[in-house]
Structures are given as structure tokens and as C-alpha cells.
């Protein structure tokens, strides 16, 4: 596994892990309030076994009493993506990280090849037009229920697909990392 680094644009300490150097590029934004390594096994599999270039992006620490806006989190992700030199990439995330990825795709559509969303939050953030969307949901997820993924997929049925991780709860990227990684690999490998 690759060690976590910290990028500090304008004093914002943003954790990230950059692994692999393959032609398929994927930036994944982690769920908030979960350990930094929740997506680590998924990323490592995709980098080592599938030959992807995977960038995991964490969240900067919040100052007590101040909430970091969604737009600021999008700019944090862009800063890290630029820092490691990715011109364009698939982008995605787990839970809230997927919401940030959706907002990123809307704001920077020219930098995004598609979306990979793991455990979709119920949120009004739209899907950016045109690009393909992979939605992965745990069938026993109560934090981001399967129905959330189906509702989002229904907004763009011609380009969005929902895949399930059977028997998995919201922590499926950690409890079912290989199954999750294989779904991502099979979907993105055609790109």
C-alpha cells in the first residue's frame, strides 16, 4: 500500500494517495468521517491488478465551528488532481465523496471522463451531462440505500448503470473491497 501524503495549497492540508501509472485514471474521494484507508484496498487492487492510475483524495480538517462548503471541497479535489498532474480522469467517491465528485463533474466537465459513485447520498447535486456514470450500491446499505442509486440512475438511464454488492452495508468498499474493485475495473476498462 502507498503512504498517505499531504498537499497544502493555501494552508489547506488535504490528504491523498497516488498509486499506479496506468492509462485508466481514476480519482476517488473518500466518505467523510471514516478512516482514511476505507478505499485503500480498492485503490491498491485497481492500481496493481487492473493497471489503473488511482488517486485517493481525503478531506481537509475542518476548523471547529466552520463547515467547509461543497464548492471548497471541489476546489480541494481539483488542487490535488492538478498537483499530481492528471489532465483528465474518471472521478468518483464513496457516500459524501461521491456527492463531491458529482459537483466536481458539473463544475469541471472538461476534466472528467465519467463518474464512479459508491453508495449514493440522497442529494440534489445533478449528474453532469453526457458522461457515463457507474453507480455501486450495497444491498444492505441503510446510510445510502439502494433506492438512492436507482433514483439517480433514473435521471440518466441511457448512460448510468447501477451495480450491486450483495449483502453489503455502507462500508462495502472496506468489507467487500475486491468485489467493489472488480465492478469498477470491468466498467472502466472499456474506456
Protein backbone atom coordinates (compact mmCIF):
# COMPACT_ATOMS: atom_id res chain seq x y z
CA UNK A 1 0.00 0.00 0.00
CA UNK A 2 1.15 3.52 -0.73
CA UNK A 3 1.58 6.04 2.08
CA UNK A 4 -0.73 9.00 2.52
CA UNK A 5 0.73 12.36 1.54
CA UNK A 6 -0.50 15.83 2.47
CA UNK A 7 -0.87 18.63 -0.08
CA UNK A 8 -1.19 22.09 1.43
CA UNK A 9 -2.42 24.66 -1.12
CA UNK A 10 -3.02 27.94 0.69
CA UNK A 11 -2.55 26.19 4.04
CA UNK A 12 -5.32 23.61 3.45
CA UNK A 13 -3.94 20.20 4.47
CA UNK A 14 -5.54 17.74 2.03
CA UNK A 15 -4.56 14.08 2.41
CA UNK A 16 -4.12 11.98 -0.71
CA UNK A 17 -2.65 8.73 -2.01
CA UNK A 18 -1.35 8.45 -5.58
CA UNK A 19 -0.86 4.89 -6.80
CA UNK A 20 -0.19 3.24 -10.14
CA UNK A 21 0.56 4.75 -13.52
CA UNK A 22 -1.76 3.00 -15.95
CA UNK A 23 -3.69 4.57 -18.80
CA UNK A 24 -7.06 4.48 -17.00
CA UNK A 25 -7.09 7.29 -14.45
CA UNK A 26 -9.49 7.35 -11.50
CA UNK A 27 -9.72 9.90 -8.69
CA UNK A 28 -11.77 8.68 -5.71
CA UNK A 29 -12.90 10.95 -2.89
CA UNK A 30 -13.42 9.24 0.44
CA UNK A 31 -16.52 9.34 2.62
CA UNK A 32 -16.33 11.92 5.40
CA UNK A 33 -15.95 10.77 8.99
CA UNK A 34 -14.50 7.39 8.01
CA UNK A 35 -10.90 6.22 8.28
CA UNK A 36 -8.61 7.43 5.53
CA UNK A 37 -7.91 3.88 4.35
CA UNK A 38 -11.54 2.90 3.62
CA UNK A 39 -10.85 2.97 -0.13
CA UNK A 40 -7.23 1.80 0.22
CA UNK A 41 -7.68 -1.85 -0.74
CA UNK A 42 -9.96 -0.93 -3.66
CA UNK A 43 -7.38 1.58 -4.92
CA UNK A 44 -4.46 -0.81 -4.43
CA UNK A 45 -6.23 -3.59 -6.34
CA UNK A 46 -7.09 -1.23 -9.20
CA UNK A 47 -3.51 0.07 -9.37
CA UNK A 48 -1.73 -3.28 -9.00
CA UNK A 49 -4.10 -5.82 -10.56
CA UNK A 50 -6.01 -3.73 -13.12
CA UNK A 51 -3.15 -1.37 -14.03
CA UNK A 52 -5.05 1.84 -13.27
CA UNK A 53 -3.64 5.15 -12.04
CA UNK A 54 -5.67 5.77 -8.86
CA UNK A 55 -5.71 8.95 -6.83
CA UNK A 56 -7.45 8.81 -3.43
CA UNK A 57 -8.43 12.22 -2.10
CA UNK A 58 -9.31 12.82 1.53
CA UNK A 59 -10.91 15.80 3.23
CA UNK A 60 -9.12 18.68 4.87
CA UNK A 61 -9.64 19.01 8.58
CA UNK A 62 -12.48 21.34 9.47
CA UNK A 63 -11.84 24.18 11.86
CA UNK A 64 -14.20 23.89 14.82
CA UNK A 65 -17.38 25.84 14.13
CA UNK A 66 -16.63 26.25 10.40
CA UNK A 67 -18.08 23.97 7.78
CA UNK A 68 -16.20 23.51 4.52
CA UNK A 69 -18.57 24.15 1.60
CA UNK A 70 -19.18 21.68 -1.22
CA UNK A 71 -17.61 24.15 -3.68
CA UNK A 72 -14.49 24.36 -1.48
CA UNK A 73 -14.24 20.57 -1.39
CA UNK A 74 -14.50 20.52 -5.20
CA UNK A 75 -11.64 23.02 -5.38
CA UNK A 76 -9.61 20.90 -2.93
CA UNK A 77 -10.06 17.89 -5.24
CA UNK A 78 -9.05 19.97 -8.26
CA UNK A 79 -5.94 21.21 -6.44
CA UNK A 80 -4.82 17.64 -5.69
CA UNK A 81 -5.63 16.42 -9.22
CA UNK A 82 -3.57 19.28 -10.65
CA UNK A 83 -0.79 18.67 -8.12
CA UNK A 84 -0.30 15.08 -9.32
CA UNK A 85 -0.66 16.11 -12.95
CA UNK A 86 -3.85 14.40 -14.08
CA UNK A 87 -5.21 16.25 -17.10
CA UNK A 88 -8.45 14.31 -17.22
CA UNK A 89 -9.77 11.45 -15.17
CA UNK A 90 -12.72 9.39 -14.09
CA UNK A 91 -13.85 10.79 -10.75
CA UNK A 92 -15.90 9.24 -8.05
CA UNK A 93 -16.29 8.72 -4.39
CA UNK A 94 -17.91 6.93 -1.52
CA UNK A 95 -21.04 8.48 0.05
CA UNK A 96 -20.38 12.19 0.56
CA UNK A 97 -17.22 11.78 -1.53
CA UNK A 98 -19.49 10.81 -4.44
CA UNK A 99 -21.53 13.96 -3.91
CA UNK A 100 -18.31 15.99 -4.13
CA UNK A 101 -17.42 14.05 -7.31
CA UNK A 102 -20.82 14.85 -8.85
CA UNK A 103 -20.32 18.55 -8.09
CA UNK A 104 -16.77 18.33 -9.48
CA UNK A 105 -18.07 16.82 -12.73
CA UNK A 106 -20.59 19.64 -13.13
CA UNK A 107 -18.00 22.35 -12.40
CA UNK A 108 -15.14 20.80 -14.40
CA UNK A 109 -16.83 18.62 -17.05
CA UNK A 110 -13.90 19.14 -19.42
CA UNK A 111 -11.64 17.30 -16.92
CA UNK A 112 -13.93 14.30 -16.32
CA UNK A 113 -14.25 11.13 -18.41
CA UNK A 114 -17.05 9.68 -16.26
CA UNK A 115 -18.33 9.15 -12.72
CA UNK A 116 -17.92 6.17 -10.37
CA UNK A 117 -20.23 6.59 -7.38
CA UNK A 118 -20.11 4.20 -4.40
CA UNK A 119 -23.09 4.44 -2.08
CA UNK A 120 -25.04 7.41 -3.47
CA UNK A 121 -26.27 10.01 -0.98
CA UNK A 122 -29.75 11.44 -1.31
CA UNK A 123 -28.71 14.84 -2.64
CA UNK A 124 -29.89 17.32 -5.25
CA UNK A 125 -26.47 17.55 -6.94
CA UNK A 126 -27.23 16.70 -10.59
CA UNK A 127 -25.29 14.45 -12.92
CA UNK A 128 -23.15 16.34 -15.39
CA UNK A 129 -24.44 15.90 -18.95
CA UNK A 130 -23.15 13.35 -21.46
CA UNK A 131 -20.60 11.41 -19.38
CA UNK A 132 -21.07 7.76 -18.36
CA UNK A 133 -21.96 7.00 -14.75
CA UNK A 134 -21.26 3.86 -12.73
CA UNK A 135 -23.26 3.58 -9.50
CA UNK A 136 -22.37 0.87 -6.98
CA UNK A 137 -24.69 0.24 -4.05
CA UNK A 138 -24.62 -2.22 -1.17
CA UNK A 139 -27.87 -4.18 -0.98
CA UNK A 140 -28.00 -3.85 2.84
CA UNK A 141 -26.84 -0.22 2.98
CA UNK A 142 -29.09 1.84 5.27
CA UNK A 143 -26.92 5.01 5.23
CA UNK A 144 -27.14 5.35 1.44
CA UNK A 145 -29.92 2.92 0.47
CA UNK A 146 -30.00 1.05 -2.83
CA UNK A 147 -33.02 3.14 -3.86
CA UNK A 148 -30.80 6.27 -3.90
CA UNK A 149 -28.71 4.75 -6.69
CA UNK A 150 -31.80 3.72 -8.61
CA UNK A 151 -33.29 7.23 -8.34
CA UNK A 152 -30.08 8.81 -9.60
CA UNK A 153 -29.79 6.27 -12.42
CA UNK A 154 -33.36 7.11 -13.50
CA UNK A 155 -32.28 10.73 -14.17
CA UNK A 156 -29.96 9.50 -16.95
CA UNK A 157 -30.94 5.89 -17.81
CA UNK A 158 -29.21 5.96 -21.19
CA UNK A 159 -25.76 6.46 -19.63
CA UNK A 160 -25.96 5.44 -15.96
CA UNK A 161 -25.69 1.88 -14.64
CA UNK A 162 -26.37 0.57 -11.15
CA UNK A 163 -24.40 -2.43 -9.88
CA UNK A 164 -24.90 -4.08 -6.51
CA UNK A 165 -22.67 -5.60 -3.88
CA UNK A 166 -24.91 -8.31 -2.40
CA UNK A 167 -25.25 -8.38 1.37
CA UNK A 168 -23.07 -5.30 1.84
CA UNK A 169 -23.76 -2.28 4.04
CA UNK A 170 -22.44 1.28 3.65
CA UNK A 171 -18.88 0.17 4.41
CA UNK A 172 -18.81 -2.14 1.38
CA UNK A 173 -15.61 -0.61 -0.07
CA UNK A 174 -13.89 -1.82 3.12
CA UNK A 175 -15.83 -5.06 3.77
CA UNK A 176 -16.08 -6.10 0.10
CA UNK A 177 -13.07 -4.34 -1.48
CA UNK A 178 -12.22 -6.88 -4.18
CA UNK A 179 -15.84 -7.21 -5.33
CA UNK A 180 -16.07 -3.41 -5.45
CA UNK A 181 -12.79 -3.08 -7.34
CA UNK A 182 -13.77 -5.75 -9.88
CA UNK A 183 -17.04 -3.93 -10.65
CA UNK A 184 -15.08 -0.71 -11.21
CA UNK A 185 -12.42 -2.48 -13.28
CA UNK A 186 -14.94 -4.19 -15.55
CA UNK A 187 -16.90 -0.97 -16.13
CA UNK A 188 -13.97 1.42 -16.63
CA UNK A 189 -11.74 -0.94 -18.58
CA UNK A 190 -13.73 -0.31 -21.75
CA UNK A 191 -12.91 3.44 -21.57
